[in-house]
């Protein structure tokens, strides 16, 4: 159950420290041979990498030398490294230092001895959203990089190796299977790497209709926990065994949440194309709806001549906060006090990881004016909306109820105002009856009474059967040629 909570200054301070905690979430690839030179990609979250300031270390080892570091953005580093031939076989910590920010990823990189038993790794590049527009059907090599497979000590397989891929989702089941045939000539260097861009063919005959409909209707891969599983076989079709005597089976997962949609402001205020809402609090609680998990907020004082978002945002905010991991923010006592009779505006920026890199998504801007409290509303302190987490099909209808509580936590009968955000997601009557729109999306249905409000989260699924081109779908989603 979602509830409005007034945090103490100490709680807010601790929450903001936790929200901004930097960490490294992936290393790609995460293994290398003794005596080799290679490139790696480090991906962080809440990090602040800076070109010529960030330093990368492999634990305390002097046997792994950093040739150069390229900071692509605050969360991504590519580095060229040399692994000394005498570097011990081991798992090494990766440490990135940027000024006072020190991020450690324990046992993140393994050094392997040349000539030992065949082994393989699967490195998945974590992303939150994958759009169909990310794929160029005319150039498979330009497909976004989703994973890399590294096969080590494979020179003895002179007749080649076959890799079999299965892609599945915890909700949608098997999406497709792929084949990659590797010739013996490609394996003579003892190390062979390939990615999702390099498969020869794929079979998607078992993909569910609901998965196809959701992808083509929304133009993004539908939210789910996706699993990539790869098995290796010799030229006789027998499974290749690892050092433990068991068949080599690689698996990795990636959770797609598609937070690019649904970033909507809830309170306080109203869009700039209408009149600013009048609120009673000088320390309002800002609330928004989004599937992302990392946000920045900026609060501005609006001058009389300003009426557009660009005009308002051209000035310095009176309060701002970065790295928020929740969907609410209480205006801090330490910020410039809000004044009665003055109009203010605020905006949220969501940060997500896409298959093309980091992306900042700004919300629209809301504005509000600070007024005097209305005694008619002072008795109501919270509202509950039931049900509060809903999944329904496009065009369907559901009736919501709002229960209000007073300062004694007693139920009070009131008539709240209802609204939908974003408005195009559907329609809600003032009795709480919600009718979903025709397009799949996620929205919030808000009940408000005075300065108190609450909302229900509604996921709208596509309704009915859509026509689709299976071959074109395969090429777009996987960046692969059609199966033969």
Protein backbone atom coordinates (compact mmCIF):
# COMPACT_ATOMS: atom_id res chain seq x y z
CA UNK A 1 0.00 0.00 0.00
CA UNK A 2 1.41 3.37 -0.97
CA UNK A 3 1.17 6.06 1.69
CA UNK A 4 2.27 9.65 2.06
CA UNK A 5 4.99 9.84 4.66
CA UNK A 6 6.52 13.01 6.08
CA UNK A 7 10.21 12.21 6.51
CA UNK A 8 12.40 13.86 9.12
CA UNK A 9 15.42 15.80 7.89
CA UNK A 10 17.66 12.99 9.09
CA UNK A 11 15.63 10.34 7.23
CA UNK A 12 15.72 12.37 4.02
CA UNK A 13 19.45 12.89 4.37
CA UNK A 14 20.04 9.16 4.86
CA UNK A 15 17.69 8.27 1.98
CA UNK A 16 19.48 10.63 -0.40
CA UNK A 17 22.88 9.22 0.56
CA UNK A 18 21.63 5.70 -0.13
CA UNK A 19 19.94 6.72 -3.37
CA UNK A 20 23.15 8.14 -4.74
CA UNK A 21 25.37 5.20 -3.79
CA UNK A 22 27.58 4.54 -6.85
CA UNK A 23 28.38 1.01 -8.01
CA UNK A 24 29.69 -0.92 -11.00
CA UNK A 25 27.05 -3.23 -12.44
CA UNK A 26 28.87 -4.95 -15.32
CA UNK A 27 32.26 -5.69 -16.86
CA UNK A 28 32.30 -6.79 -20.49
CA UNK A 29 34.11 -9.12 -21.09
CA UNK A 30 35.03 -10.32 -17.62
CA UNK A 31 37.82 -12.82 -18.47
CA UNK A 32 41.19 -12.62 -20.23
CA UNK A 33 44.24 -14.75 -21.04
CA UNK A 34 47.65 -14.43 -19.49
CA UNK A 35 49.87 -12.47 -21.91
CA UNK A 36 47.00 -10.88 -23.84
CA UNK A 37 45.86 -7.37 -24.69
CA UNK A 38 42.14 -6.58 -24.76
CA UNK A 39 39.47 -3.94 -24.34
CA UNK A 40 36.85 -3.97 -21.57
CA UNK A 41 33.70 -1.94 -20.94
CA UNK A 42 32.69 -0.93 -17.41
CA UNK A 43 29.11 0.11 -16.74
CA UNK A 44 28.16 1.88 -13.50
CA UNK A 45 25.09 3.32 -11.88
CA UNK A 46 25.01 6.60 -9.91
CA UNK A 47 28.67 7.02 -10.85
CA UNK A 48 30.38 10.22 -12.00
CA UNK A 49 33.25 9.08 -14.22
CA UNK A 50 35.35 11.92 -15.69
CA UNK A 51 37.78 11.78 -18.61
CA UNK A 52 41.41 12.15 -17.45
CA UNK A 53 40.28 12.03 -13.81
CA UNK A 54 38.92 8.49 -13.39
CA UNK A 55 41.51 5.81 -12.55
CA UNK A 56 40.95 2.05 -13.05
CA UNK A 57 42.78 -0.58 -10.96
CA UNK A 58 42.66 -4.38 -10.84
CA UNK A 59 42.97 -4.88 -7.09
CA UNK A 60 46.58 -4.46 -6.01
CA UNK A 61 47.93 -6.33 -9.04
CA UNK A 62 50.82 -4.80 -10.98
CA UNK A 63 50.48 -7.55 -13.61
CA UNK A 64 47.44 -5.99 -15.28
CA UNK A 65 48.41 -2.71 -16.93
CA UNK A 66 45.93 -0.05 -18.04
CA UNK A 67 46.97 1.29 -21.46
CA UNK A 68 44.29 3.95 -21.80
CA UNK A 69 40.91 4.92 -20.42
CA UNK A 70 38.06 6.48 -22.39
CA UNK A 71 35.11 7.85 -20.39
CA UNK A 72 32.08 7.68 -22.69
CA UNK A 73 29.74 9.19 -20.10
CA UNK A 74 29.39 9.41 -16.31
CA UNK A 75 28.42 5.73 -16.14
CA UNK A 76 30.50 4.11 -18.90
CA UNK A 77 34.24 3.52 -19.28
CA UNK A 78 36.13 1.65 -22.00
CA UNK A 79 39.69 0.64 -21.17
CA UNK A 80 42.54 -1.09 -23.00
CA UNK A 81 44.50 -3.47 -20.76
CA UNK A 82 47.60 -5.68 -20.94
CA UNK A 83 47.65 -8.89 -18.91
CA UNK A 84 51.22 -9.96 -18.10
CA UNK A 85 52.16 -13.52 -19.05
CA UNK A 86 53.16 -14.09 -15.41
CA UNK A 87 49.88 -12.72 -14.02
CA UNK A 88 48.50 -15.36 -11.60
CA UNK A 89 45.23 -17.12 -12.46
CA UNK A 90 42.78 -15.42 -10.15
CA UNK A 91 39.62 -13.32 -9.82
CA UNK A 92 40.53 -9.64 -9.50
CA UNK A 93 38.59 -6.75 -7.98
CA UNK A 94 38.02 -3.76 -10.25
CA UNK A 95 38.29 -0.37 -8.56
CA UNK A 96 37.41 2.94 -10.23
CA UNK A 97 38.45 6.14 -8.44
CA UNK A 98 37.15 9.55 -9.48
CA UNK A 99 38.28 12.10 -6.92
CA UNK A 100 36.66 11.09 -3.63
CA UNK A 101 34.32 8.65 -5.37
CA UNK A 102 35.75 5.11 -5.12
CA UNK A 103 33.72 2.24 -6.58
CA UNK A 104 34.76 -1.39 -6.07
CA UNK A 105 33.42 -4.45 -7.93
CA UNK A 106 34.71 -7.55 -6.09
CA UNK A 107 36.07 -10.53 -8.08
CA UNK A 108 34.92 -8.87 -11.30
CA UNK A 109 37.63 -10.04 -13.72
CA UNK A 110 39.22 -13.50 -14.14
CA UNK A 111 42.67 -14.24 -15.59
CA UNK A 112 42.91 -17.60 -17.42
CA UNK A 113 45.92 -19.72 -18.30
CA UNK A 114 46.47 -20.55 -21.98
CA UNK A 115 46.31 -24.26 -22.83
CA UNK A 116 44.06 -25.38 -19.97
CA UNK A 117 40.65 -27.05 -20.34
CA UNK A 118 38.15 -25.37 -22.66
CA UNK A 119 35.87 -22.90 -20.91
CA UNK A 120 33.40 -20.23 -21.90
CA UNK A 121 31.65 -17.19 -20.46
CA UNK A 122 28.50 -15.27 -21.33
CA UNK A 123 28.52 -11.54 -20.53
CA UNK A 124 25.16 -9.76 -20.71
CA UNK A 125 25.09 -5.99 -21.16
CA UNK A 126 22.41 -4.79 -18.70
CA UNK A 127 19.83 -2.48 -20.26
CA UNK A 128 16.42 -1.33 -19.06
CA UNK A 129 14.77 -0.84 -22.43
CA UNK A 130 15.20 -2.11 -26.00
CA UNK A 131 13.33 -0.36 -28.79
CA UNK A 132 12.58 -1.94 -32.16
CA UNK A 133 13.90 1.29 -33.70
CA UNK A 134 17.32 0.39 -32.27
CA UNK A 135 17.70 -2.32 -34.90
CA UNK A 136 18.79 -1.72 -38.50
CA UNK A 137 17.26 -4.56 -40.52
CA UNK A 138 19.60 -3.79 -43.43
CA UNK A 139 22.76 -4.11 -41.35
CA UNK A 140 22.83 -6.83 -38.70
CA UNK A 141 26.20 -5.68 -37.41
CA UNK A 142 24.60 -2.41 -36.27
CA UNK A 143 22.18 -4.21 -33.96
CA UNK A 144 22.61 -3.17 -30.31
CA UNK A 145 25.04 -5.31 -28.37
CA UNK A 146 23.10 -7.48 -25.92
CA UNK A 147 25.65 -10.13 -24.95
CA UNK A 148 29.13 -11.48 -25.72
CA UNK A 149 30.27 -15.11 -25.56
CA UNK A 150 33.97 -15.85 -25.01
CA UNK A 151 35.32 -19.37 -25.66
CA UNK A 152 38.78 -20.03 -24.15
CA UNK A 153 41.35 -22.76 -24.92
CA UNK A 154 39.43 -23.98 -27.95
CA UNK A 155 42.35 -24.60 -30.41
CA UNK A 156 42.01 -28.39 -30.16
CA UNK A 157 38.55 -28.25 -31.76
CA UNK A 158 39.92 -28.23 -35.30
CA UNK A 159 36.60 -29.37 -36.81
CA UNK A 160 34.66 -26.50 -35.29
CA UNK A 161 32.07 -25.83 -32.62
CA UNK A 162 28.34 -25.15 -32.76
CA UNK A 163 26.69 -22.76 -30.29
CA UNK A 164 22.96 -23.10 -29.68
CA UNK A 165 21.08 -20.15 -28.21
CA UNK A 166 17.70 -20.10 -26.47
CA UNK A 167 16.04 -16.77 -25.61
CA UNK A 168 13.15 -16.92 -23.16
CA UNK A 169 11.19 -14.70 -20.81
CA UNK A 170 9.82 -15.62 -17.40
CA UNK A 171 6.41 -14.35 -18.51
CA UNK A 172 6.40 -15.00 -22.27
CA UNK A 173 8.29 -18.33 -22.35
CA UNK A 174 10.55 -19.25 -25.26
CA UNK A 175 11.03 -16.40 -27.73
CA UNK A 176 13.46 -18.02 -30.14
CA UNK A 177 16.45 -20.30 -30.68
CA UNK A 178 19.60 -19.51 -32.64
CA UNK A 179 22.55 -21.34 -34.19
CA UNK A 180 26.14 -20.16 -34.58
CA UNK A 181 28.60 -22.45 -36.39
CA UNK A 182 32.26 -21.68 -35.66
CA UNK A 183 34.86 -23.14 -38.01
CA UNK A 184 38.01 -24.76 -36.69
CA UNK A 185 40.09 -22.10 -38.43
CA UNK A 186 38.52 -19.44 -36.23
CA UNK A 187 39.55 -21.30 -33.08
CA UNK A 188 43.32 -21.56 -33.61
CA UNK A 189 44.07 -18.54 -31.41
CA UNK A 190 42.64 -20.32 -28.34
CA UNK A 191 40.14 -17.48 -27.86
CA UNK A 192 37.01 -16.84 -29.89
CA UNK A 193 34.37 -14.23 -29.12
CA UNK A 194 30.97 -13.67 -30.72
CA UNK A 195 27.83 -11.74 -29.85
CA UNK A 196 24.11 -11.66 -30.52
CA UNK A 197 24.99 -9.97 -33.84
CA UNK A 198 26.83 -13.05 -35.14
CA UNK A 199 24.31 -15.90 -35.18
CA UNK A 200 23.65 -17.67 -38.49
CA UNK A 201 19.92 -18.28 -38.16
CA UNK A 202 17.08 -18.28 -35.69
CA UNK A 203 13.79 -20.12 -35.25
CA UNK A 204 10.96 -18.14 -33.64
CA UNK A 205 8.12 -20.54 -34.40
CA UNK A 206 7.50 -21.04 -30.67
CA UNK A 207 7.23 -17.34 -29.81
CA UNK A 208 3.88 -16.54 -28.20
CA UNK A 209 1.30 -14.38 -29.92
CA UNK A 210 1.08 -12.15 -26.83
CA UNK A 211 4.81 -11.39 -27.04
CA UNK A 212 4.58 -10.53 -30.74
CA UNK A 213 1.53 -8.32 -30.22
CA UNK A 214 3.08 -6.47 -27.28
CA UNK A 215 6.34 -5.81 -29.17
CA UNK A 216 4.75 -4.59 -32.38
CA UNK A 217 2.07 -2.53 -30.64
CA UNK A 218 4.44 -0.65 -28.34
CA UNK A 219 7.58 -0.76 -30.58
CA UNK A 220 9.64 -1.92 -27.59
CA UNK A 221 10.53 -5.32 -26.19
CA UNK A 222 7.81 -5.97 -23.57
CA UNK A 223 8.86 -5.86 -19.91
CA UNK A 224 10.05 -9.23 -18.61
CA UNK A 225 13.07 -11.03 -17.16
CA UNK A 226 14.80 -12.37 -20.28
CA UNK A 227 17.22 -15.29 -20.18
CA UNK A 228 19.92 -16.11 -22.73
CA UNK A 229 21.08 -19.74 -22.59
CA UNK A 230 23.92 -21.02 -24.79
CA UNK A 231 25.18 -24.62 -25.11
CA UNK A 232 28.32 -25.70 -26.98
CA UNK A 233 28.57 -28.85 -29.16
CA UNK A 234 31.39 -30.47 -31.12
CA UNK A 235 31.21 -31.35 -34.83
CA UNK A 236 29.48 -34.67 -33.96
CA UNK A 237 26.71 -32.89 -32.09
CA UNK A 238 27.94 -34.00 -28.67
CA UNK A 239 27.93 -31.53 -25.77
CA UNK A 240 31.36 -30.08 -24.98
CA UNK A 241 32.41 -30.75 -21.40
CA UNK A 242 34.10 -28.27 -19.09
CA UNK A 243 36.75 -28.86 -16.43
CA UNK A 244 34.11 -30.22 -14.05
CA UNK A 245 33.11 -32.93 -16.55
CA UNK A 246 29.67 -31.43 -17.16
CA UNK A 247 28.35 -29.98 -20.45
CA UNK A 248 29.16 -26.29 -20.92
CA UNK A 249 25.88 -24.38 -20.59
CA UNK A 250 26.04 -20.59 -20.29
CA UNK A 251 23.17 -18.48 -19.06
CA UNK A 252 22.58 -14.83 -18.29
CA UNK A 253 19.55 -12.66 -17.64
CA UNK A 254 18.47 -9.11 -18.35
CA UNK A 255 15.41 -7.40 -16.92
CA UNK A 256 13.59 -5.15 -19.38
CA UNK A 257 11.36 -2.61 -17.63
CA UNK A 258 10.94 -0.03 -20.43
CA UNK A 259 10.96 2.99 -18.11
CA UNK A 260 10.97 5.31 -21.15
CA UNK A 261 7.19 5.47 -20.99
CA UNK A 262 4.97 6.71 -18.19
CA UNK A 263 7.09 9.49 -16.65
CA UNK A 264 4.25 11.62 -15.32
CA UNK A 265 4.04 14.27 -12.63
CA UNK A 266 1.27 13.80 -10.07
CA UNK A 267 1.50 16.56 -7.46
CA UNK A 268 1.66 19.37 -6.64
CA UNK A 269 0.54 21.58 -9.47
CA UNK A 270 -0.88 21.46 -12.97
CA UNK A 271 0.53 21.60 -16.53
CA UNK A 272 1.71 24.97 -17.79
CA UNK A 273 -1.10 25.17 -20.36
CA UNK A 274 -3.58 25.75 -17.51
CA UNK A 275 -3.74 27.85 -14.37
CA UNK A 276 -1.33 26.98 -11.56
CA UNK A 277 -2.85 24.96 -8.74
CA UNK A 278 -3.00 26.65 -5.33
CA UNK A 279 -1.59 24.58 -2.48
CA UNK A 280 -1.44 25.27 1.26
CA UNK A 281 1.93 23.74 2.17
CA UNK A 282 5.23 25.65 2.07
CA UNK A 283 7.05 22.32 2.24
CA UNK A 284 5.13 20.26 -0.33
CA UNK A 285 5.70 16.61 -1.15
CA UNK A 286 6.51 16.18 -4.83
CA UNK A 287 5.22 12.93 -6.30
CA UNK A 288 5.55 11.47 -9.77
CA UNK A 289 4.90 8.21 -11.57
CA UNK A 290 7.57 6.33 -13.51
CA UNK A 291 9.06 2.87 -14.05
CA UNK A 292 12.59 4.28 -13.93
CA UNK A 293 14.65 4.09 -10.72
CA UNK A 294 16.96 7.12 -10.86
CA UNK A 295 15.69 10.70 -10.91
CA UNK A 296 16.73 14.34 -10.62
CA UNK A 297 14.34 17.09 -9.49
CA UNK A 298 14.53 20.85 -10.04
CA UNK A 299 12.21 23.43 -8.43
CA UNK A 300 12.05 26.95 -9.91
CA UNK A 301 10.55 30.28 -8.88
CA UNK A 302 8.34 31.56 -11.72
CA UNK A 303 8.60 35.20 -12.64
CA UNK A 304 5.58 37.05 -13.99
CA UNK A 305 6.88 37.18 -17.58
CA UNK A 306 7.59 33.45 -17.71
CA UNK A 307 4.99 31.03 -19.09
CA UNK A 308 6.95 28.33 -20.99
CA UNK A 309 9.13 25.50 -19.69
CA UNK A 310 12.18 26.76 -21.58
CA UNK A 311 11.84 30.25 -20.07
CA UNK A 312 11.46 28.88 -16.56
CA UNK A 313 14.31 26.36 -16.89
CA UNK A 314 16.67 29.06 -18.21
CA UNK A 315 17.22 30.26 -14.64
CA UNK A 316 18.89 28.52 -11.71
CA UNK A 317 16.52 26.33 -9.64
CA UNK A 318 15.89 27.37 -6.04
CA UNK A 319 16.19 23.71 -5.03
CA UNK A 320 17.48 20.61 -6.81
CA UNK A 321 18.36 17.03 -5.95
CA UNK A 322 20.07 14.31 -8.01
CA UNK A 323 20.10 10.53 -7.71
CA UNK A 324 16.65 10.08 -6.14
CA UNK A 325 15.60 6.41 -6.16
CA UNK A 326 11.97 6.83 -5.03
CA UNK A 327 8.97 8.50 -6.67
CA UNK A 328 8.60 11.23 -4.09
CA UNK A 329 10.60 14.11 -2.68
CA UNK A 330 9.74 16.34 0.28
CA UNK A 331 10.81 19.96 -0.12
CA UNK A 332 13.70 20.28 2.34
CA UNK A 333 13.89 22.70 5.25
CA UNK A 334 17.42 23.56 4.12
CA UNK A 335 16.21 24.96 0.78
CA UNK A 336 14.97 28.51 0.14
CA UNK A 337 11.53 28.74 1.83
CA UNK A 338 8.50 28.87 -0.47
CA UNK A 339 6.56 32.11 -0.14
CA UNK A 340 2.82 32.63 0.08
CA UNK A 341 1.41 34.21 -3.09
CA UNK A 342 4.36 33.13 -5.26
CA UNK A 343 4.21 30.69 -8.18
CA UNK A 344 6.71 27.85 -8.54
CA UNK A 345 7.39 25.16 -11.16
CA UNK A 346 9.11 21.78 -10.97
CA UNK A 347 10.41 19.11 -13.34
CA UNK A 348 11.73 15.56 -13.05
CA UNK A 349 14.50 14.00 -15.19
CA UNK A 350 14.62 10.19 -15.28
CA UNK A 351 17.87 8.39 -16.07
CA UNK A 352 17.71 4.99 -17.76
CA UNK A 353 20.09 2.55 -19.47
CA UNK A 354 19.08 1.72 -23.05
CA UNK A 355 20.63 -0.58 -25.62
CA UNK A 356 22.25 2.53 -27.13
CA UNK A 357 23.64 3.87 -23.85
CA UNK A 358 22.45 6.13 -21.05
CA UNK A 359 19.46 8.35 -21.69
CA UNK A 360 18.03 11.28 -19.71
CA UNK A 361 14.24 11.68 -20.06
CA UNK A 362 12.72 14.98 -18.87
CA UNK A 363 9.12 15.20 -17.73
CA UNK A 364 6.77 18.01 -18.56
CA UNK A 365 6.74 20.92 -16.11
CA UNK A 366 4.06 21.52 -13.48
CA UNK A 367 3.43 24.80 -11.66
CA UNK A 368 1.65 25.79 -8.46
CA UNK A 369 1.10 28.78 -6.18
CA UNK A 370 1.39 28.80 -2.41
CA UNK A 371 -1.78 29.94 -0.62
CA UNK A 372 -3.40 29.73 2.80
CA UNK A 373 -4.72 26.40 4.14
CA UNK A 374 -8.41 25.66 3.55
CA UNK A 375 -10.02 24.61 6.86
CA UNK A 376 -12.52 22.43 4.99
CA UNK A 377 -9.69 20.03 4.07
CA UNK A 378 -7.66 20.08 7.30
CA UNK A 379 -9.35 17.02 8.78
CA UNK A 380 -8.26 14.61 6.00
CA UNK A 381 -4.69 13.32 6.27
CA UNK A 382 -4.58 10.39 3.84
CA UNK A 383 -6.46 8.54 1.12
CA UNK A 384 -6.32 4.92 0.00
CA UNK A 385 -7.26 3.92 -3.57
CA UNK A 386 -8.47 0.37 -4.09
CA UNK A 387 -7.47 -1.68 -5.93
CA UNK A 388 -4.09 0.03 -6.24
CA UNK A 389 -2.16 -2.23 -8.66
CA UNK A 390 -4.17 -3.27 -11.71
CA UNK A 391 -3.55 -4.97 -15.05
CA UNK A 392 -6.26 -4.78 -17.69
CA UNK A 393 -6.80 -4.84 -21.44
CA UNK A 394 -7.26 -1.83 -23.68
CA UNK A 395 -10.90 -0.69 -23.71
CA UNK A 396 -11.85 -2.51 -20.48
CA UNK A 397 -13.50 -0.80 -17.50
CA UNK A 398 -12.93 -1.01 -13.74
CA UNK A 399 -14.40 0.93 -10.81
CA UNK A 400 -12.00 2.28 -8.20
CA UNK A 401 -12.85 3.41 -4.69
CA UNK A 402 -11.16 6.03 -2.50
CA UNK A 403 -11.19 5.72 1.29
CA UNK A 404 -10.30 8.84 3.32
CA UNK A 405 -8.91 8.97 6.86
CA UNK A 406 -8.84 11.79 9.43
CA UNK A 407 -6.20 12.68 12.03
CA UNK A 408 -7.54 9.91 14.31
CA UNK A 409 -7.14 7.36 11.48
CA UNK A 410 -10.93 7.07 11.25
CA UNK A 411 -12.65 6.59 7.89
CA UNK A 412 -14.35 9.72 6.61
CA UNK A 413 -16.79 9.93 3.70
CA UNK A 414 -15.63 12.53 1.16
CA UNK A 415 -15.88 12.97 -2.61
CA UNK A 416 -12.38 13.23 -4.08
CA UNK A 417 -11.48 14.58 -7.49
CA UNK A 418 -10.37 11.88 -9.96
CA UNK A 419 -7.95 12.23 -12.85
CA UNK A 420 -5.76 10.07 -15.12
CA UNK A 421 -2.11 10.70 -15.85
CA UNK A 422 -1.22 10.71 -18.67
CA UNK A 423 -4.71 11.82 -19.78
CA UNK A 424 -4.53 9.90 -23.08
CA UNK A 425 -4.27 6.58 -21.19
CA UNK A 426 -8.01 6.52 -20.49
CA UNK A 427 -10.94 8.24 -18.82
CA UNK A 428 -12.08 8.24 -15.19
CA UNK A 429 -15.45 9.55 -14.06
CA UNK A 430 -15.87 11.47 -10.79
CA UNK A 431 -17.36 8.30 -9.32
CA UNK A 432 -14.06 6.42 -9.90
CA UNK A 433 -15.05 4.41 -12.99
CA UNK A 434 -11.96 4.05 -15.21
CA UNK A 435 -12.08 3.08 -18.89
CA UNK A 436 -8.74 2.17 -20.46
CA UNK A 437 -7.76 3.74 -23.76
CA UNK A 438 -6.93 1.83 -26.93
CA UNK A 439 -3.12 1.95 -26.64
CA UNK A 440 -1.04 -0.24 -24.28
CA UNK A 441 0.73 1.82 -21.61
CA UNK A 442 1.09 2.21 -17.85
CA UNK A 443 -0.74 5.04 -16.11
CA UNK A 444 -1.82 6.38 -12.74
CA UNK A 445 -5.43 7.07 -11.70
CA UNK A 446 -5.31 9.73 -8.98
CA UNK A 447 -7.83 10.53 -6.25
CA UNK A 448 -7.34 13.95 -4.62
CA UNK A 449 -9.04 15.75 -1.76
CA UNK A 450 -7.53 19.09 -0.80
CA UNK A 451 -3.77 18.64 -0.56
CA UNK A 452 -4.03 14.89 0.06
CA UNK A 453 -4.02 12.40 -2.77
CA UNK A 454 -3.20 8.82 -3.71
CA UNK A 455 -3.14 6.84 -6.94
CA UNK A 456 -3.58 3.38 -8.41
CA UNK A 457 -1.08 2.01 -10.92
CA UNK A 458 -2.73 0.53 -14.01
CA UNK A 459 -0.96 -1.43 -16.73
CA UNK A 460 -2.96 -1.52 -19.97
CA UNK A 461 -2.25 -4.49 -22.24
CA UNK A 462 -3.03 -4.62 -25.98
CA UNK A 463 -6.43 -6.06 -26.84
CA UNK A 464 -7.26 -8.29 -29.79
CA UNK A 465 -5.05 -9.86 -32.46
CA UNK A 466 -2.78 -7.83 -34.70
CA UNK A 467 -1.30 -8.73 -38.05
CA UNK A 468 2.47 -9.03 -38.12
CA UNK A 469 5.37 -9.98 -40.35
CA UNK A 470 7.29 -12.79 -38.66
CA UNK A 471 10.42 -12.44 -40.75
CA UNK A 472 10.60 -8.70 -40.30
CA UNK A 473 9.97 -9.10 -36.59
CA UNK A 474 12.88 -11.55 -36.25
CA UNK A 475 15.26 -9.23 -38.03
CA UNK A 476 14.23 -6.24 -35.95
CA UNK A 477 14.20 -7.80 -32.51
CA UNK A 478 17.26 -9.99 -32.74
CA UNK A 479 19.25 -8.29 -35.49
CA UNK A 480 19.48 -11.72 -37.12
CA UNK A 481 18.73 -13.17 -40.56
CA UNK A 482 15.61 -15.23 -40.99
CA UNK A 483 15.87 -18.98 -40.39
CA UNK A 484 16.17 -21.24 -43.38
